[in-house]
Protein backbone atom coordinates (compact mmCIF):
# COMPACT_ATOMS: atom_id res chain seq x y z
CA MET A 1 75.70 49.11 -209.53
CA ASN A 2 78.41 48.35 -212.08
CA LYS A 3 79.06 51.47 -214.15
CA GLU A 4 81.81 52.46 -216.55
CA ARG A 5 82.43 55.64 -214.54
CA LYS A 6 82.50 55.85 -210.74
CA LEU A 7 79.49 57.72 -209.38
CA ILE A 8 80.12 61.11 -207.77
CA ILE A 9 77.45 62.47 -205.45
CA ALA A 10 77.98 65.97 -204.09
CA GLY A 11 75.94 67.94 -201.59
CA ASN A 12 75.64 71.66 -202.27
CA TRP A 13 74.68 73.22 -198.95
CA LYS A 14 74.26 76.67 -200.54
CA MET A 15 73.78 79.52 -198.00
CA ASN A 16 72.77 77.20 -195.18
CA LYS A 17 74.33 75.94 -191.94
CA THR A 18 76.19 77.79 -189.22
CA VAL A 19 79.53 76.25 -188.25
CA ALA A 20 77.88 74.30 -185.41
CA GLU A 21 75.12 73.01 -187.70
CA ALA A 22 77.68 72.12 -190.38
CA LEU A 23 79.70 70.11 -187.87
CA ASP A 24 76.59 68.20 -186.78
CA LEU A 25 75.78 67.33 -190.37
CA ALA A 26 79.38 66.36 -191.20
CA ALA A 27 79.56 64.10 -188.13
CA GLY A 28 76.34 62.35 -189.11
CA LEU A 29 77.50 61.79 -192.68
CA LYS A 30 80.91 60.53 -191.60
CA LEU A 31 79.27 57.95 -189.37
CA GLU A 32 76.58 56.82 -191.81
CA LEU A 33 78.77 56.68 -194.92
CA ALA A 34 81.96 55.23 -193.43
CA ASN A 35 81.72 51.98 -195.38
CA VAL A 36 80.72 53.40 -198.78
CA LYS A 37 83.49 52.80 -201.32
CA GLU A 38 81.50 52.65 -204.56
CA VAL A 39 80.72 56.38 -204.71
CA ASP A 40 82.90 59.51 -204.57
CA ILE A 41 81.20 61.60 -201.86
CA VAL A 42 81.63 65.39 -201.76
CA VAL A 43 80.17 68.00 -199.39
CA CYS A 44 80.20 71.69 -200.26
CA PRO A 45 79.54 73.84 -197.17
CA PRO A 46 79.53 77.66 -197.17
CA TYR A 47 83.00 79.26 -196.94
CA THR A 48 82.57 80.02 -193.23
CA ALA A 49 82.34 76.31 -192.39
CA LEU A 50 85.10 74.97 -194.67
CA SER A 51 87.81 75.01 -192.02
CA GLU A 52 85.86 73.15 -189.35
CA VAL A 53 84.21 70.68 -191.74
CA SER A 54 87.62 69.95 -193.26
CA LYS A 55 88.89 68.90 -189.83
CA ALA A 56 85.72 66.93 -189.11
CA ILE A 57 85.99 64.76 -192.25
CA LEU A 58 89.74 64.27 -192.10
CA ASP A 59 90.65 60.60 -192.62
CA SER A 60 87.16 59.84 -193.91
CA ASN A 61 85.88 58.87 -197.36
CA ILE A 62 84.17 62.28 -197.75
CA ARG A 63 85.85 64.98 -199.85
CA LEU A 64 85.43 68.70 -199.40
CA GLY A 65 84.13 71.05 -202.08
CA ALA A 66 83.63 74.81 -202.33
CA GLN A 67 80.61 76.50 -203.91
CA ASN A 68 82.55 78.99 -206.02
CA MET A 69 86.01 80.43 -206.60
CA SER A 70 87.61 83.51 -208.15
CA GLU A 71 89.40 83.26 -211.46
CA HIS A 72 92.15 85.41 -209.89
CA ASN A 73 94.95 84.07 -207.71
CA VAL A 74 95.50 87.12 -205.50
CA GLY A 75 94.76 90.84 -205.43
CA ALA A 76 92.23 93.60 -204.94
CA TYR A 77 89.06 91.59 -205.45
CA THR A 78 86.91 92.36 -202.42
CA GLY A 79 84.68 89.50 -201.34
CA GLU A 80 86.35 86.93 -203.57
CA ILE A 81 88.08 83.68 -202.59
CA ALA A 82 91.23 82.38 -204.31
CA ALA A 83 92.26 78.80 -205.00
CA VAL A 84 95.22 78.98 -202.63
CA MET A 85 92.81 79.90 -199.82
CA LEU A 86 90.60 76.91 -200.56
CA LYS A 87 93.58 74.56 -200.69
CA GLU A 88 94.44 75.50 -197.10
CA PHE A 89 91.27 73.65 -196.10
CA SER A 90 92.02 70.59 -198.25
CA VAL A 91 89.25 71.47 -200.71
CA ARG A 92 89.28 69.06 -203.67
CA TYR A 93 86.30 70.19 -205.76
CA VAL A 94 84.82 73.56 -206.71
CA ILE A 95 81.29 74.12 -208.03
CA LEU A 96 81.30 76.61 -210.90
CA GLY A 97 78.51 78.25 -212.87
CA HIS A 98 75.60 77.13 -210.72
CA SER A 99 72.35 78.44 -212.20
CA GLU A 100 71.83 80.62 -209.13
CA ARG A 101 75.15 82.37 -209.80
CA ARG A 102 74.39 82.63 -213.51
CA GLN A 103 71.06 84.22 -212.60
CA TYR A 104 71.85 86.39 -209.55
CA GLN A 105 75.48 87.28 -210.27
CA GLN A 106 75.13 87.28 -214.07
CA GLU A 107 78.04 84.88 -214.48
CA SER A 108 78.79 84.23 -218.14
CA ASP A 109 80.09 81.11 -219.87
CA ALA A 110 83.35 82.98 -220.56
CA LEU A 111 83.84 83.80 -216.86
CA ILE A 112 83.09 80.19 -215.87
CA ALA A 113 85.67 78.98 -218.42
CA ARG A 114 88.31 81.24 -216.85
CA LYS A 115 87.39 79.94 -213.41
CA ALA A 116 87.62 76.33 -214.63
CA LEU A 117 91.14 76.97 -215.89
CA ALA A 118 92.05 78.55 -212.54
CA VAL A 119 90.65 75.54 -210.68
CA HIS A 120 92.76 73.17 -212.77
CA GLY A 121 95.76 75.47 -212.38
CA ALA A 122 95.51 74.88 -208.64
CA ALA A 123 95.23 71.08 -209.11
CA LEU A 124 91.60 71.11 -207.96
CA LYS A 125 88.60 69.65 -209.81
CA PRO A 126 85.73 71.78 -211.11
CA ILE A 127 82.09 70.75 -211.09
CA VAL A 128 80.74 72.86 -213.96
CA CYS A 129 76.97 73.39 -213.94
CA ILE A 130 74.81 73.81 -217.01
CA GLY A 131 71.07 73.66 -217.63
CA GLU A 132 68.11 75.17 -219.41
CA THR A 133 65.21 77.19 -218.00
CA LEU A 134 61.59 76.07 -218.30
CA ALA A 135 60.97 78.68 -221.00
CA GLU A 136 63.94 77.40 -223.01
CA ARG A 137 62.78 73.79 -222.71
CA GLU A 138 59.22 74.66 -223.71
CA ALA A 139 60.55 76.58 -226.70
CA GLY A 140 62.46 73.49 -227.85
CA GLN A 141 65.83 75.14 -227.19
CA THR A 142 67.24 72.65 -224.67
CA GLU A 143 69.97 71.22 -226.91
CA GLN A 144 70.92 74.63 -228.28
CA VAL A 145 71.27 76.06 -224.76
CA LEU A 146 73.23 73.07 -223.46
CA ALA A 147 75.60 73.05 -226.43
CA THR A 148 76.30 76.77 -226.00
CA GLN A 149 76.92 76.41 -222.27
CA VAL A 150 79.13 73.32 -222.64
CA ARG A 151 81.27 74.85 -225.38
CA GLY A 152 81.49 78.24 -223.67
CA SER A 153 81.99 77.10 -220.07
CA LEU A 154 84.64 74.49 -220.92
CA ALA A 155 86.49 76.51 -223.55
CA GLY A 156 90.26 76.37 -223.21
CA LEU A 157 90.48 73.09 -221.31
CA ASP A 158 92.75 70.41 -222.72
CA LYS A 159 91.85 66.72 -222.86
CA GLU A 160 93.55 65.84 -219.57
CA GLN A 161 91.80 68.71 -217.76
CA MET A 162 88.45 67.77 -219.27
CA VAL A 163 88.71 64.19 -217.98
CA GLU A 164 89.27 65.63 -214.48
CA THR A 165 86.24 67.93 -214.81
CA VAL A 166 82.76 66.97 -213.62
CA VAL A 167 79.79 68.35 -215.56
CA ALA A 168 76.54 68.84 -213.65
CA TYR A 169 73.37 68.97 -215.73
CA GLU A 170 70.83 70.87 -213.65
CA PRO A 171 67.66 71.87 -215.47
CA VAL A 172 66.87 75.23 -213.87
CA TRP A 173 63.16 74.38 -213.74
CA ALA A 174 63.92 71.40 -211.46
CA ILE A 175 66.13 73.13 -208.89
CA GLY A 176 64.35 73.54 -205.57
CA THR A 177 60.96 73.15 -207.23
CA GLY A 178 60.23 69.53 -206.39
CA LYS A 179 60.05 68.85 -210.13
CA THR A 180 62.51 66.31 -211.47
CA ALA A 181 63.39 65.57 -215.07
CA SER A 182 61.89 62.24 -216.06
CA PRO A 183 64.45 59.45 -216.46
CA ALA A 184 64.01 59.75 -220.23
CA GLN A 185 64.58 63.52 -220.16
CA ALA A 186 67.64 63.15 -217.93
CA GLN A 187 69.22 60.42 -220.05
CA GLU A 188 68.51 62.32 -223.26
CA ALA A 189 70.19 65.48 -221.94
CA HIS A 190 73.19 63.63 -220.51
CA ALA A 191 73.71 61.68 -223.73
CA PHE A 192 73.50 64.92 -225.72
CA ILE A 193 76.10 66.60 -223.46
CA ARG A 194 78.41 63.63 -223.99
CA ARG A 195 78.01 63.98 -227.77
CA VAL A 196 78.95 67.67 -227.53
CA LEU A 197 82.03 66.75 -225.49
CA ALA A 198 82.98 64.15 -228.10
CA GLY A 199 82.81 66.88 -230.73
CA MET A 200 84.92 69.26 -228.65
CA PHE A 201 87.52 66.67 -227.63
CA ASP A 202 87.06 63.06 -228.75
CA GLU A 203 85.01 59.95 -227.97
CA THR A 204 87.56 58.65 -225.45
CA VAL A 205 87.45 61.86 -223.40
CA ALA A 206 83.65 62.04 -223.63
CA ARG A 207 83.34 58.47 -222.32
CA LYS A 208 85.53 59.27 -219.30
CA VAL A 209 83.84 62.51 -218.19
CA ARG A 210 81.41 62.16 -215.31
CA ILE A 211 78.10 63.97 -215.80
CA GLN A 212 75.95 64.50 -212.71
CA TYR A 213 72.24 65.16 -212.60
CA GLY A 214 70.92 67.86 -210.30
CA GLY A 215 67.41 69.08 -209.63
CA SER A 216 65.19 67.82 -206.81
CA VAL A 217 67.16 64.59 -206.35
CA LYS A 218 65.66 62.62 -203.45
CA PRO A 219 66.09 59.15 -201.93
CA ALA A 220 62.95 58.03 -203.78
CA ASN A 221 64.23 58.87 -207.27
CA ALA A 222 67.98 58.34 -206.78
CA ARG A 223 68.14 54.69 -207.82
CA GLU A 224 66.29 55.20 -211.09
CA LEU A 225 68.28 58.30 -212.03
CA MET A 226 71.68 56.84 -211.10
CA SER A 227 70.99 53.66 -213.08
CA LEU A 228 70.72 55.59 -216.37
CA PRO A 229 73.66 54.85 -218.69
CA ASP A 230 74.91 58.44 -219.01
CA VAL A 231 74.11 59.67 -215.48
CA ASP A 232 77.23 59.42 -213.32
CA GLY A 233 76.06 60.91 -210.04
CA ALA A 234 74.11 63.76 -208.54
CA LEU A 235 74.57 67.32 -207.36
CA VAL A 236 72.12 67.46 -204.46
CA GLY A 237 70.70 70.65 -202.95
CA GLY A 238 67.94 70.58 -200.35
CA ALA A 239 68.19 66.85 -199.64
CA ALA A 240 71.89 67.29 -198.79
CA LEU A 241 71.06 69.46 -195.77
CA GLU A 242 69.89 66.49 -193.69
CA ALA A 243 72.15 63.52 -192.98
CA ARG A 244 69.46 60.86 -193.42
CA SER A 245 68.21 62.02 -196.82
CA PHE A 246 71.72 62.55 -198.26
CA THR A 247 72.85 59.20 -196.91
CA ASP A 248 69.80 57.46 -198.37
CA ILE A 249 70.40 59.04 -201.78
CA ILE A 250 73.95 57.66 -201.78
CA LYS A 251 73.00 54.20 -200.49
CA ASN A 252 70.08 53.97 -202.94
CA SER A 253 72.48 54.75 -205.80
CA ILE A 254 74.82 51.83 -205.19
């Protein structure tokens, strides 16, 4: 698939996998995906498995991501994880503002923006999640919600940082529900996000930013979604927990 921007497909393992299970999955992915060059592949295990998975994928084409990070570099922040700690495990990407954290931990756009700056300050790359709820979509508020989240969650980034940021559009109503945005809905949302980015920065920056789709991505729908002009990859949840399904999503996207 010849696209202007290189696809990035990331697996968010969420609160799943013991270290032993994580190593099994990493070994399977390393074997199955060894020859894939057309896609940037990222796996995001829980913190407890980062060290061992990092060693397991060393010298492979798979990059390591974390599921969250503190905006602080050091200090009395019980339960938090700093960038310097993630870098010890060769983490390259950090998911920020996932809808589950926005919902359960009440993370705000302003907090996510501070975290994004901290991620860039550590020379890592953020994957910043945005997306509307079913109620917001049904009320016709999708674009309003997305514009607010994009402007708020990416506030303070300069053009160079923005180009190195991945945006993940994840309609909340499609996460873990089996429902997927139709290709038309996905393309419409991604194109709108790119227009907002063009307004915040400029057209050149907006054209370079990779925007992933997330929300019940499966091998069966990967090809159609990834072929859309403004969809530059996927942030995969449940289907990333099994080597075969994650591998098939990637291979079906090429």
